[in-house]
Amino acid sequence: MSFYGGIALEIQHFTVGEDIKIETHLSGSPHNPMVVFIPGLGANASQFDEQLTYFGSQYYALSLSLRGHGAST
């Protein structure tokens, strides 16, 4: 878990198949409605850390890094 502006962000890595790892950043409660942020070409999940902390109070906010970006493989 890391902190952005004093708000906790959970960073997880999911393995798909044998060699694909997807990085996700999460904020908020999984009991809230979900909002998903997907970065454009050349960006990664950390681009939305400020939005995750803002929306995490009312939503389960998630951002992810596409393959080959951030910590995704």
Protein backbone atom coordinates (compact mmCIF):
# COMPACT_ATOMS: atom_id res chain seq x y z
CA MET A 1 0.00 0.00 0.00
CA SER A 2 1.26 3.47 -0.81
CA PHE A 3 0.00 6.94 -0.01
CA TYR A 4 -0.77 9.82 -2.32
CA GLY A 5 -1.62 13.10 -0.61
CA GLY A 6 -2.19 11.22 2.66
CA ILE A 7 -4.77 8.88 1.05
CA ALA A 8 -4.06 5.15 0.80
CA LEU A 9 -3.71 3.61 -2.64
CA GLU A 10 -3.48 -0.14 -2.96
CA ILE A 11 -1.20 -1.28 -5.77
CA GLN A 12 -1.77 -4.85 -6.94
CA HIS A 13 -0.38 -7.02 -9.72
CA PHE A 14 -2.53 -9.70 -11.33
CA THR A 15 -1.01 -12.55 -13.29
CA VAL A 16 -2.84 -13.64 -16.43
CA GLY A 17 -1.65 -16.87 -17.99
CA GLU A 18 1.98 -17.75 -17.43
CA ASP A 19 3.81 -14.51 -18.12
CA ILE A 20 1.39 -11.56 -18.24
CA LYS A 21 1.30 -9.26 -15.23
CA ILE A 22 -1.21 -6.36 -15.01
CA GLU A 23 -0.59 -3.49 -12.56
CA THR A 24 -3.65 -1.93 -10.89
CA HIS A 25 -4.07 0.95 -8.45
CA LEU A 26 -7.15 0.89 -6.19
CA SER A 27 -8.77 3.33 -3.78
CA GLY A 28 -12.03 3.19 -1.84
CA SER A 29 -14.33 0.46 -0.67
CA PRO A 30 -15.27 -2.51 -2.88
CA HIS A 31 -18.83 -2.05 -1.56
CA ASN A 32 -19.15 1.26 -3.45
CA PRO A 33 -19.94 1.62 -7.18
CA MET A 34 -16.82 1.20 -9.33
CA VAL A 35 -15.20 3.75 -11.62
CA VAL A 36 -12.34 2.66 -13.90
CA PHE A 37 -9.59 4.88 -15.34
CA ILE A 38 -7.73 3.56 -18.41
CA PRO A 39 -4.68 5.52 -19.57
CA GLY A 40 -3.90 6.35 -23.17
CA LEU A 41 -0.88 5.29 -25.17
CA GLY A 42 2.41 5.83 -23.36
CA ALA A 43 0.84 6.44 -19.93
CA ASN A 44 0.29 4.13 -16.95
CA ALA A 45 -1.92 3.65 -13.87
CA SER A 46 -0.03 6.18 -11.75
CA GLN A 47 -1.29 8.94 -14.07
CA PHE A 48 -4.62 8.72 -12.21
CA ASP A 49 -3.40 8.55 -8.58
CA GLU A 50 -4.80 12.01 -7.79
CA GLN A 51 -8.20 11.11 -9.29
CA LEU A 52 -8.25 7.82 -7.36
CA THR A 53 -7.77 9.62 -4.06
CA TYR A 54 -10.53 12.12 -4.92
CA PHE A 55 -13.10 9.57 -6.14
CA GLY A 56 -12.09 6.90 -3.60
CA SER A 57 -14.30 8.49 -0.93
CA GLN A 58 -17.50 7.72 -2.91
CA TYR A 59 -16.45 5.02 -5.37
CA TYR A 60 -14.24 1.98 -5.66
CA ALA A 61 -11.76 3.62 -8.01
CA LEU A 62 -9.42 1.55 -10.17
CA SER A 63 -6.74 2.41 -12.71
CA LEU A 64 -4.60 -0.06 -14.61
CA SER A 65 -1.48 -0.10 -16.72
CA LEU A 66 -1.89 -1.68 -20.14
CA ARG A 67 0.58 -4.34 -21.26
CA GLY A 68 4.09 -2.97 -21.66
CA HIS A 69 3.37 0.16 -19.60
CA GLY A 70 4.13 0.90 -15.94
CA ALA A 71 4.74 -2.37 -14.11
CA SER A 72 2.60 -4.42 -16.51
CA THR A 73 4.28 -6.96 -18.76
